[in-house]
């Protein structure tokens, strides 16, 4: 298991991501002051996002079904716990985007190569 989002497990037999990008932000508000620098106030944690990307070869695994499962999860609008293979809990995340790019087509129009990108935001 590489990672799990709710009950969906990222693995070699489902979807194996090749890249993971984790972005954290913190909120600071500024107030203008005359004759000196602006005052800053720390407001707390800001947006946290995780981006996963990878490649699926449908001839070797059923990546199409896995992408459909992620699409169904996103349609529900639920927050899902995200845990990596070492047991690190990232928190609860919603799916905000799923990119899919197909190439190398068979004569019947099915893709032999699917690249995917998944965007998650912590809630």
Protein backbone atom coordinates (compact mmCIF):
# COMPACT_ATOMS: atom_id res chain seq x y z
CA UNK A 1 0.00 0.00 0.00
CA UNK A 2 1.38 3.38 -1.01
CA UNK A 3 -1.43 5.46 0.45
CA UNK A 4 -5.11 5.21 1.34
CA UNK A 5 -7.84 7.83 0.88
CA UNK A 6 -10.80 6.55 2.87
CA UNK A 7 -11.33 2.97 1.70
CA UNK A 8 -9.52 3.56 -1.61
CA UNK A 9 -6.00 2.10 -1.54
CA UNK A 10 -3.31 3.41 -3.87
CA UNK A 11 -1.19 0.40 -4.80
CA UNK A 12 0.41 -1.28 -7.80
CA UNK A 13 -2.84 -3.18 -8.48
CA UNK A 14 -5.09 -0.07 -8.37
CA UNK A 15 -3.40 3.29 -9.00
CA UNK A 16 0.25 3.82 -8.20
CA UNK A 17 1.16 7.48 -7.92
CA UNK A 18 4.65 8.42 -9.02
CA UNK A 19 4.70 11.98 -7.66
CA UNK A 20 3.35 13.50 -4.48
CA UNK A 21 3.35 17.22 -3.79
CA UNK A 22 2.34 18.50 -0.34
CA UNK A 23 1.72 22.23 0.11
CA UNK A 24 1.05 23.94 3.45
CA UNK A 25 0.06 27.54 4.02
CA UNK A 26 -0.35 29.91 6.98
CA UNK A 27 -2.53 33.00 7.13
CA UNK A 28 -1.20 36.44 8.07
CA UNK A 29 -3.29 39.60 7.92
CA UNK A 30 -1.73 43.01 7.39
CA UNK A 31 -2.98 46.36 8.65
CA UNK A 32 -1.61 49.57 7.17
CA UNK A 33 0.12 52.01 9.55
CA UNK A 34 1.29 55.54 8.88
CA UNK A 35 5.04 56.14 8.98
CA UNK A 36 6.06 52.54 9.63
CA UNK A 37 5.75 49.06 8.26
CA UNK A 38 2.38 47.35 8.13
CA UNK A 39 1.32 45.44 11.24
CA UNK A 40 1.03 41.70 10.81
CA UNK A 41 -1.20 39.31 12.70
CA UNK A 42 -0.94 35.53 12.50
CA UNK A 43 -4.41 34.06 11.93
CA UNK A 44 -3.55 30.37 11.98
CA UNK A 45 -3.10 27.59 9.49
CA UNK A 46 -4.15 28.17 5.92
CA UNK A 47 -4.81 25.88 3.01
CA UNK A 48 -3.16 22.46 2.84
CA UNK A 49 -3.18 20.60 -0.47
CA UNK A 50 -1.79 17.34 -1.75
CA UNK A 51 -1.32 16.53 -5.42
CA UNK A 52 -0.76 13.00 -6.66
CA UNK A 53 0.13 12.07 -10.21
CA UNK A 54 0.95 8.85 -11.95
CA UNK A 55 0.56 6.57 -14.89
CA UNK A 56 -1.82 3.68 -15.50
CA UNK A 57 -1.37 0.91 -18.08
CA UNK A 58 -4.91 -0.55 -18.33
CA UNK A 59 -3.53 -3.69 -20.00
CA UNK A 60 -1.68 -4.52 -16.77
CA UNK A 61 -4.20 -3.34 -14.18
CA UNK A 62 -7.75 -2.03 -14.13
CA UNK A 63 -6.87 1.63 -13.67
CA UNK A 64 -10.08 2.71 -15.40
CA UNK A 65 -12.17 1.21 -12.56
CA UNK A 66 -9.92 2.89 -9.97
CA UNK A 67 -10.34 6.29 -11.63
CA UNK A 68 -14.10 5.72 -11.71
CA UNK A 69 -14.03 4.93 -7.98
CA UNK A 70 -12.18 8.20 -7.24
CA UNK A 71 -14.67 10.09 -9.42
CA UNK A 72 -17.56 8.56 -7.43
CA UNK A 73 -15.86 9.53 -4.16
CA UNK A 74 -15.47 13.12 -5.40
CA UNK A 75 -19.16 13.22 -6.44
CA UNK A 76 -20.13 12.43 -2.84
CA UNK A 77 -18.36 15.56 -1.58
CA UNK A 78 -17.21 13.76 1.55
CA UNK A 79 -13.98 14.30 3.47
CA UNK A 80 -11.82 11.18 3.53
CA UNK A 81 -8.93 10.32 5.88
CA UNK A 82 -5.57 10.22 4.09
CA UNK A 83 -2.92 7.82 5.40
CA UNK A 84 0.38 6.86 3.77
CA UNK A 85 1.97 3.42 3.73
CA UNK A 86 4.05 4.11 6.85
CA UNK A 87 0.93 4.91 8.89
CA UNK A 88 1.31 8.70 8.83
CA UNK A 89 -2.13 10.30 9.07
CA UNK A 90 -2.36 13.51 7.03
CA UNK A 91 -5.92 14.38 8.10
CA UNK A 92 -9.26 14.57 6.28
CA UNK A 93 -9.21 15.59 2.63
CA UNK A 94 -11.78 16.27 -0.08
CA UNK A 95 -11.14 15.60 -3.75
CA UNK A 96 -11.08 18.93 -5.60
CA UNK A 97 -9.80 17.77 -8.98
CA UNK A 98 -9.08 14.72 -11.09
CA UNK A 99 -7.15 15.11 -14.34
CA UNK A 100 -6.94 12.31 -16.87
CA UNK A 101 -4.95 12.16 -20.08
CA UNK A 102 -5.24 9.18 -22.40
CA UNK A 103 -2.82 8.16 -25.16
CA UNK A 104 -1.59 5.21 -27.23
CA UNK A 105 -4.99 4.03 -28.40
CA UNK A 106 -6.00 0.54 -29.49
CA UNK A 107 -8.01 0.15 -32.73
CA UNK A 108 -11.25 0.03 -30.67
CA UNK A 109 -10.45 3.41 -29.07
CA UNK A 110 -9.38 2.21 -25.63
CA UNK A 111 -6.27 3.84 -24.25
CA UNK A 112 -3.18 1.81 -23.44
CA UNK A 113 -1.75 4.63 -21.35
CA UNK A 114 -3.59 6.89 -18.89
CA UNK A 115 -1.86 9.63 -16.95
CA UNK A 116 -3.73 10.97 -13.94
CA UNK A 117 -3.51 13.83 -11.49
CA UNK A 118 -5.47 14.02 -8.24
CA UNK A 119 -5.92 17.22 -6.24
CA UNK A 120 -6.83 16.99 -2.54
CA UNK A 121 -7.58 19.76 -0.03
CA UNK A 122 -7.59 19.35 3.73
CA UNK A 123 -10.79 20.22 5.56
